[in-house]
C-alpha atoms as a PDB file:
ATOM      1  CA  UNK A   1       0.172   0.072  -0.068  1.00  0.00           C
ATOM      2  CA  UNK A   2       1.644   3.525  -1.137  1.00  0.00           C
ATOM      3  CA  UNK A   3       1.393   5.803   2.013  1.00  0.00           C
ATOM      4  CA  UNK A   4       0.049   9.248   2.146  1.00  0.00           C
ATOM      5  CA  UNK A   5       1.433  12.029   4.264  1.00  0.00           C
ATOM      6  CA  UNK A   6      -1.954  13.838   5.581  1.00  0.00           C
ATOM      7  CA  UNK A   7      -1.597  17.260   7.708  1.00  0.00           C
ATOM      8  CA  UNK A   8      -2.776  17.667  11.127  1.00  0.00           C
ATOM      9  CA  UNK A   9      -6.220  17.545  11.985  1.00  0.00           C
ATOM     10  CA  UNK A  10      -6.044  21.627  13.077  1.00  0.00           C
ATOM     11  CA  UNK A  11      -4.732  22.206   9.400  1.00  0.00           C
ATOM     12  CA  UNK A  12      -7.440  20.253   7.237  1.00  0.00           C
ATOM     13  CA  UNK A  13     -10.130  21.846   9.094  1.00  0.00           C
ATOM     14  CA  UNK A  14      -8.595  25.133   8.580  1.00  0.00           C
ATOM     15  CA  UNK A  15      -7.510  23.900   4.467  1.00  0.00           C
ATOM     16  CA  UNK A  16     -11.254  23.051   4.429  1.00  0.00           C
ATOM     17  CA  UNK A  17     -13.456  26.093   5.639  1.00  0.00           C
ATOM     18  CA  UNK A  18     -10.713  27.969   3.016  1.00  0.00           C
ATOM     19  CA  UNK A  19     -11.479  25.633  -0.004  1.00  0.00           C
ATOM     20  CA  UNK A  20     -15.102  26.480   1.738  1.00  0.00           C
ATOM     21  CA  UNK A  21     -14.584  29.735   1.343  1.00  0.00           C
ATOM     22  CA  UNK A  22     -12.434  29.602  -1.491  1.00  0.00           C
ATOM     23  CA  UNK A  23     -15.399  27.814  -3.443  1.00  0.00           C
ATOM     24  CA  UNK A  24     -18.232  29.937  -2.837  1.00  0.00           C
ATOM     25  CA  UNK A  25     -16.423  33.204  -3.309  1.00  0.00           C
ATOM     26  CA  UNK A  26     -15.274  32.134  -6.229  1.00  0.00           C
ATOM     27  CA  UNK A  27     -18.714  31.284  -7.621  1.00  0.00           C
ATOM     28  CA  UNK A  28     -20.066  34.525  -6.578  1.00  0.00           C
ATOM     29  CA  UNK A  29     -17.336  36.212  -8.133  1.00  0.00           C
ATOM     30  CA  UNK A  30     -18.269  35.178 -11.189  1.00  0.00           C
ATOM     31  CA  UNK A  31     -21.630  36.838 -11.013  1.00  0.00           C
ATOM     32  CA  UNK A  32     -19.470  40.474 -10.273  1.00  0.00           C
ATOM     33  CA  UNK A  33     -21.056  39.703  -6.443  1.00  0.00           C
ATOM     34  CA  UNK A  34     -18.795  39.617  -2.489  1.00  0.00           C
ATOM     35  CA  UNK A  35     -20.203  37.022  -0.333  1.00  0.00           C
ATOM     36  CA  UNK A  36     -21.766  40.112   1.490  1.00  0.00           C
ATOM     37  CA  UNK A  37     -23.736  40.415  -1.340  1.00  0.00           C
ATOM     38  CA  UNK A  38     -24.701  36.469  -1.649  1.00  0.00           C
ATOM     39  CA  UNK A  39     -28.405  37.206  -0.322  1.00  0.00           C
ATOM     40  CA  UNK A  40     -28.968  39.402  -3.768  1.00  0.00           C
ATOM     41  CA  UNK A  41     -28.183  36.350  -5.951  1.00  0.00           C
ATOM     42  CA  UNK A  42     -32.020  35.758  -6.314  1.00  0.00           C
ATOM     43  CA  UNK A  43     -33.472  39.033  -7.085  1.00  0.00           C
ATOM     44  CA  UNK A  44     -30.349  39.575  -9.272  1.00  0.00           C
ATOM     45  CA  UNK A  45     -30.641  35.831 -11.525  1.00  0.00           C
ATOM     46  CA  UNK A  46     -34.083  34.393 -10.205  1.00  0.00           C
ATOM     47  CA  UNK A  47     -32.058  31.738  -7.842  1.00  0.00           C
ATOM     48  CA  UNK A  48     -29.817  31.629  -4.610  1.00  0.00           C
ATOM     49  CA  UNK A  49     -26.056  30.288  -4.410  1.00  0.00           C
ATOM     50  CA  UNK A  50     -26.493  26.580  -3.028  1.00  0.00           C
ATOM     51  CA  UNK A  51     -23.261  24.783  -1.231  1.00  0.00           C
ATOM     52  CA  UNK A  52     -22.940  21.369  -0.955  1.00  0.00           C
ATOM     53  CA  UNK A  53     -20.544  18.683   0.426  1.00  0.00           C
ATOM     54  CA  UNK A  54     -19.135  15.480  -0.997  1.00  0.00           C
ATOM     55  CA  UNK A  55     -17.957  12.504   0.759  1.00  0.00           C
ATOM     56  CA  UNK A  56     -15.744   9.701   0.573  1.00  0.00           C
ATOM     57  CA  UNK A  57     -17.666   6.732  -2.203  1.00  0.00           C
ATOM     58  CA  UNK A  58     -18.132   3.633  -0.122  1.00  0.00           C
ATOM     59  CA  UNK A  59     -14.409   1.415   0.898  1.00  0.00           C
ATOM     60  CA  UNK A  60     -12.692   4.790   0.075  1.00  0.00           C
ATOM     61  CA  UNK A  61     -12.893   6.284   3.753  1.00  0.00           C
ATOM     62  CA  UNK A  62     -10.608   3.301   4.353  1.00  0.00           C
ATOM     63  CA  UNK A  63      -7.373   4.002   2.065  1.00  0.00           C
ATOM     64  CA  UNK A  64      -8.023   8.137   2.276  1.00  0.00           C
ATOM     65  CA  UNK A  65      -9.771   8.832   5.602  1.00  0.00           C
ATOM     66  CA  UNK A  66      -9.109  12.430   4.138  1.00  0.00           C
ATOM     67  CA  UNK A  67     -11.329  12.918   1.191  1.00  0.00           C
ATOM     68  CA  UNK A  68     -13.464  15.437   0.966  1.00  0.00           C
ATOM     69  CA  UNK A  69     -15.192  17.279  -1.429  1.00  0.00           C
ATOM     70  CA  UNK A  70     -17.042  21.068  -1.335  1.00  0.00           C
ATOM     71  CA  UNK A  71     -19.043  22.182  -4.255  1.00  0.00           C
ATOM     72  CA  UNK A  72     -21.065  25.311  -5.008  1.00  0.00           C
ATOM     73  CA  UNK A  73     -23.769  26.085  -7.802  1.00  0.00           C
ATOM     74  CA  UNK A  74     -24.411  30.541  -8.322  1.00  0.00           C
ATOM     75  CA  UNK A  75     -28.437  29.993 -10.832  1.00  0.00           C
ATOM     76  CA  UNK A  76     -28.051  32.058 -13.788  1.00  0.00           C
ATOM     77  CA  UNK A  77     -30.832  33.565 -16.053  1.00  0.00           C
ATOM     78  CA  UNK A  78     -29.838  31.109 -18.993  1.00  0.00           C
ATOM     79  CA  UNK A  79     -27.703  28.324 -17.035  1.00  0.00           C
ATOM     80  CA  UNK A  80     -26.100  27.661 -14.139  1.00  0.00           C
ATOM     81  CA  UNK A  81     -21.561  27.640 -12.361  1.00  0.00           C
ATOM     82  CA  UNK A  82     -20.637  25.135 -10.670  1.00  0.00           C
ATOM     83  CA  UNK A  83     -17.618  25.089  -8.935  1.00  0.00           C
ATOM     84  CA  UNK A  84     -16.073  22.037  -7.000  1.00  0.00           C
ATOM     85  CA  UNK A  85     -12.962  21.669  -4.965  1.00  0.00           C
ATOM     86  CA  UNK A  86     -11.312  18.892  -3.427  1.00  0.00           C
ATOM     87  CA  UNK A  87      -8.684  17.766  -0.781  1.00  0.00           C
ATOM     88  CA  UNK A  88      -7.881  14.933   0.959  1.00  0.00           C
ATOM     89  CA  UNK A  89      -6.951  12.912  -2.614  1.00  0.00           C
ATOM     90  CA  UNK A  90      -3.359  11.734  -3.640  1.00  0.00           C
ATOM     91  CA  UNK A  91      -0.679  14.280  -4.472  1.00  0.00           C
ATOM     92  CA  UNK A  92      -0.787  15.189  -9.020  1.00  0.00           C
ATOM     93  CA  UNK A  93      -3.917  13.134  -9.769  1.00  0.00           C
ATOM     94  CA  UNK A  94      -6.100  13.146 -11.940  1.00  0.00           C
ATOM     95  CA  UNK A  95     -10.079  12.735 -11.713  1.00  0.00           C
ATOM     96  CA  UNK A  96     -13.288  13.066 -13.123  1.00  0.00           C
ATOM     97  CA  UNK A  97     -16.207  14.750 -12.410  1.00  0.00           C
ATOM     98  CA  UNK A  98     -19.740  13.532 -13.487  1.00  0.00           C
ATOM     99  CA  UNK A  99     -23.328  14.333 -12.993  1.00  0.00           C
ATOM    100  CA  UNK A 100     -25.288  10.871 -12.284  1.00  0.00           C
ATOM    101  CA  UNK A 101     -28.634  10.302 -11.603  1.00  0.00           C
ATOM    102  CA  UNK A 102     -27.945   8.132  -8.517  1.00  0.00           C
ATOM    103  CA  UNK A 103     -24.726   8.508  -6.671  1.00  0.00           C
ATOM    104  CA  UNK A 104     -23.804   4.714  -6.049  1.00  0.00           C
ATOM    105  CA  UNK A 105     -23.694   2.304  -8.274  1.00  0.00           C
ATOM    106  CA  UNK A 106     -25.557   1.533 -10.836  1.00  0.00           C
ATOM    107  CA  UNK A 107     -24.996   5.247 -10.741  1.00  0.00           C
ATOM    108  CA  UNK A 108     -27.984   5.606 -13.657  1.00  0.00           C
ATOM    109  CA  UNK A 109     -27.603   8.096 -16.681  1.00  0.00           C
ATOM    110  CA  UNK A 110     -24.361   9.776 -16.767  1.00  0.00           C
ATOM    111  CA  UNK A 111     -22.823  13.167 -17.811  1.00  0.00           C
ATOM    112  CA  UNK A 112     -18.921  13.727 -17.784  1.00  0.00           C
ATOM    113  CA  UNK A 113     -18.436  17.367 -16.613  1.00  0.00           C
ATOM    114  CA  UNK A 114     -14.972  18.248 -16.503  1.00  0.00           C
ATOM    115  CA  UNK A 115     -11.336  16.862 -15.394  1.00  0.00           C
ATOM    116  CA  UNK A 116      -9.850  18.041 -11.790  1.00  0.00           C
ATOM    117  CA  UNK A 117      -5.911  17.466 -10.745  1.00  0.00           C
ATOM    118  CA  UNK A 118      -4.845  17.943  -7.578  1.00  0.00           C
ATOM    119  CA  UNK A 119      -1.340  20.110  -6.489  1.00  0.00           C
ATOM    120  CA  UNK A 120       1.153  18.587  -4.278  1.00  0.00           C
ATOM    121  CA  UNK A 121      -0.871  18.582  -1.207  1.00  0.00           C
ATOM    122  CA  UNK A 122      -3.781  16.373  -3.039  1.00  0.00           C
ATOM    123  CA  UNK A 123      -6.442  19.414  -3.488  1.00  0.00           C
ATOM    124  CA  UNK A 124      -7.897  20.399  -6.522  1.00  0.00           C
ATOM    125  CA  UNK A 125     -10.999  22.924  -8.016  1.00  0.00           C
ATOM    126  CA  UNK A 126     -12.541  23.069 -11.609  1.00  0.00           C
ATOM    127  CA  UNK A 127     -15.112  25.009 -12.408  1.00  0.00           C
ATOM    128  CA  UNK A 128     -18.359  23.981 -14.909  1.00  0.00           C
ATOM    129  CA  UNK A 129     -21.211  25.952 -16.868  1.00  0.00           C
ATOM    130  CA  UNK A 130     -24.536  24.551 -17.582  1.00  0.00           C
ATOM    131  CA  UNK A 131     -27.148  23.391 -16.458  1.00  0.00           C
ATOM    132  CA  UNK A 132     -26.771  21.805 -12.747  1.00  0.00           C
ATOM    133  CA  UNK A 133     -30.529  22.729 -11.225  1.00  0.00           C
ATOM    134  CA  UNK A 134     -34.390  20.956 -10.653  1.00  0.00           C
ATOM    135  CA  UNK A 135     -34.619  20.877 -14.665  1.00  0.00           C
ATOM    136  CA  UNK A 136     -31.119  18.823 -15.732  1.00  0.00           C
ATOM    137  CA  UNK A 137     -32.261  15.580 -16.947  1.00  0.00           C
ATOM    138  CA  UNK A 138     -31.001  13.629 -19.873  1.00  0.00           C
ATOM    139  CA  UNK A 139     -33.326  11.561 -22.970  1.00  0.00           C
ATOM    140  CA  UNK A 140     -33.401   9.871 -25.445  1.00  0.00           C
ATOM    141  CA  UNK A 141     -36.454   9.532 -27.996  1.00  0.00           C
ATOM    142  CA  UNK A 142     -34.034   6.838 -30.372  1.00  0.00           C
ATOM    143  CA  UNK A 143     -31.013   5.548 -31.870  1.00  0.00           C
ATOM    144  CA  UNK A 144     -29.133   3.203 -29.773  1.00  0.00           C
ATOM    145  CA  UNK A 145     -31.062   3.202 -26.477  1.00  0.00           C
ATOM    146  CA  UNK A 146     -34.237   5.244 -26.186  1.00  0.00           C
ATOM    147  CA  UNK A 147     -35.083   6.023 -22.358  1.00  0.00           C
ATOM    148  CA  UNK A 148     -37.922   8.656 -20.775  1.00  0.00           C
ATOM    149  CA  UNK A 149     -36.522  11.779 -19.520  1.00  0.00           C
ATOM    150  CA  UNK A 150     -34.306  10.753 -16.597  1.00  0.00           C
ATOM    151  CA  UNK A 151     -33.235  13.969 -13.797  1.00  0.00           C
ATOM    152  CA  UNK A 152     -29.440  13.693 -13.023  1.00  0.00           C
ATOM    153  CA  UNK A 153     -29.074  15.484  -8.781  1.00  0.00           C
ATOM    154  CA  UNK A 154     -26.136  13.783  -8.316  1.00  0.00           C
ATOM    155  CA  UNK A 155     -21.832  14.412  -8.326  1.00  0.00           C
ATOM    156  CA  UNK A 156     -19.377  11.834  -8.702  1.00  0.00           C
ATOM    157  CA  UNK A 157     -15.497  12.230  -8.646  1.00  0.00           C
ATOM    158  CA  UNK A 158     -13.800   8.981 -10.940  1.00  0.00           C
ATOM    159  CA  UNK A 159      -9.925   8.126 -10.546  1.00  0.00           C
ATOM    160  CA  UNK A 160      -8.700   8.627 -14.096  1.00  0.00           C
ATOM    161  CA  UNK A 161      -6.356   5.556 -13.656  1.00  0.00           C
ATOM    162  CA  UNK A 162      -7.990   2.680 -12.607  1.00  0.00           C
ATOM    163  CA  UNK A 163      -4.359   1.548 -11.334  1.00  0.00           C
ATOM    164  CA  UNK A 164      -4.037   4.316  -8.561  1.00  0.00           C
ATOM    165  CA  UNK A 165      -6.712   2.752  -6.407  1.00  0.00           C
ATOM    166  CA  UNK A 166      -5.226  -0.528  -6.637  1.00  0.00           C
ATOM    167  CA  UNK A 167      -2.167   0.448  -5.034  1.00  0.00           C
ATOM    168  CA  UNK A 168      -3.722   2.043  -2.863  1.00  0.00           C
ATOM    169  CA  UNK A 169      -5.382  -0.331  -1.309  1.00  0.00           C
ATOM    170  CA  UNK A 170      -8.955   0.991  -2.227  1.00  0.00           C
ATOM    171  CA  UNK A 171      -9.958  -2.751  -3.613  1.00  0.00           C
ATOM    172  CA  UNK A 172      -9.630  -4.589  -0.754  1.00  0.00           C
ATOM    173  CA  UNK A 173     -10.055  -8.313  -1.997  1.00  0.00           C
ATOM    174  CA  UNK A 174      -9.465  -7.391  -5.937  1.00  0.00           C
ATOM    175  CA  UNK A 175      -6.168  -8.822  -7.844  1.00  0.00           C
ATOM    176  CA  UNK A 176      -6.351  -6.686  -9.968  1.00  0.00           C
ATOM    177  CA  UNK A 177      -7.369  -3.080 -11.094  1.00  0.00           C
ATOM    178  CA  UNK A 178     -11.413  -2.405 -11.524  1.00  0.00           C
ATOM    179  CA  UNK A 179     -11.394  -0.553 -14.618  1.00  0.00           C
ATOM    180  CA  UNK A 180     -14.984   1.887 -15.177  1.00  0.00           C
ATOM    181  CA  UNK A 181     -16.149   4.315 -18.070  1.00  0.00           C
ATOM    182  CA  UNK A 182     -15.925   7.196 -16.198  1.00  0.00           C
ATOM    183  CA  UNK A 183     -14.079   9.147 -18.258  1.00  0.00           C
ATOM    184  CA  UNK A 184     -12.984  10.357 -21.923  1.00  0.00           C
ATOM    185  CA  UNK A 185     -11.724   7.214 -22.955  1.00  0.00           C
ATOM    186  CA  UNK A 186     -13.743   5.187 -20.865  1.00  0.00           C
ATOM    187  CA  UNK A 187     -11.203   3.361 -18.829  1.00  0.00           C
ATOM    188  CA  UNK A 188     -11.338   4.928 -15.252  1.00  0.00           C
ATOM    189  CA  UNK A 189     -11.144   3.997 -11.633  1.00  0.00           C
ATOM    190  CA  UNK A 190     -13.644   3.259  -8.805  1.00  0.00           C
ATOM    191  CA  UNK A 191     -15.584   6.568  -7.475  1.00  0.00           C
ATOM    192  CA  UNK A 192     -13.964   7.809  -4.704  1.00  0.00           C
ATOM    193  CA  UNK A 193     -16.594  11.094  -4.062  1.00  0.00           C
ATOM    194  CA  UNK A 194     -20.417  11.838  -3.865  1.00  0.00           C
ATOM    195  CA  UNK A 195     -22.839  13.000  -3.257  1.00  0.00           C
ATOM    196  CA  UNK A 196     -24.225  10.412  -1.253  1.00  0.00           C
ATOM    197  CA  UNK A 197     -25.582  13.143   2.030  1.00  0.00           C
ATOM    198  CA  UNK A 198     -28.462  13.452  -0.447  1.00  0.00           C
ATOM    199  CA  UNK A 199     -31.093  11.377  -1.155  1.00  0.00           C
ATOM    200  CA  UNK A 200     -31.288   9.194  -4.262  1.00  0.00           C
ATOM    201  CA  UNK A 201     -34.672  11.232  -5.474  1.00  0.00           C
ATOM    202  CA  UNK A 202     -33.201  14.651  -4.631  1.00  0.00           C
ATOM    203  CA  UNK A 203     -29.570  15.239  -4.673  1.00  0.00           C
ATOM    204  CA  UNK A 204     -28.448  18.708  -4.573  1.00  0.00           C
ATOM    205  CA  UNK A 205     -29.346  19.852  -7.592  1.00  0.00           C
ATOM    206  CA  UNK A 206     -32.702  19.631  -7.360  1.00  0.00           C
ATOM    207  CA  UNK A 207     -32.285  22.297  -4.392  1.00  0.00           C
ATOM    208  CA  UNK A 208     -31.022  24.908  -7.595  1.00  0.00           C
ATOM    209  CA  UNK A 209     -33.398  26.985  -8.963  1.00  0.00           C
ATOM    210  CA  UNK A 210     -33.512  29.412 -12.022  1.00  0.00           C
END
């Protein structure tokens, strides 16, 4: 198992508090607002900023005990801005963020959003623009597959390299890395963070309104 240096509890708490403030501030800055003006977002843009956390996926806490994430969605008049920051992950590593129907397996319908790269301290962030609110859905009316309008209200973050979680000991009982389709090449690793703190049918995006 690879050993990963983790900062002290005080440093981690301070860092996560800083991440939360930075994430919210970064989202509000998109519209030229300060955190003091957050309450005016509803009047100006039809909805208020919504911040929430990402927690460790099943089995991850044992190999990455400090893995955490934080997100904020700023609704706009036509679409939304979402800022996601993560910490407690392997340093200098790649991850893939998806908007998903269900936070845990089988995940349901999934929409690839962005890559997130961590720095030497295991921190990373990304900003994406799209529809990340109660209206987020996918539909297939024909072609290779067909399904009715299906809302996706959760977030999931996957290891880009399937070998990494295997080497970290995140896949006990497996004799080879688990490969999933959750990156651009469809050869990702397992999920590391998700929004399972929210109910399956009422993920955090369902709380965002424009």
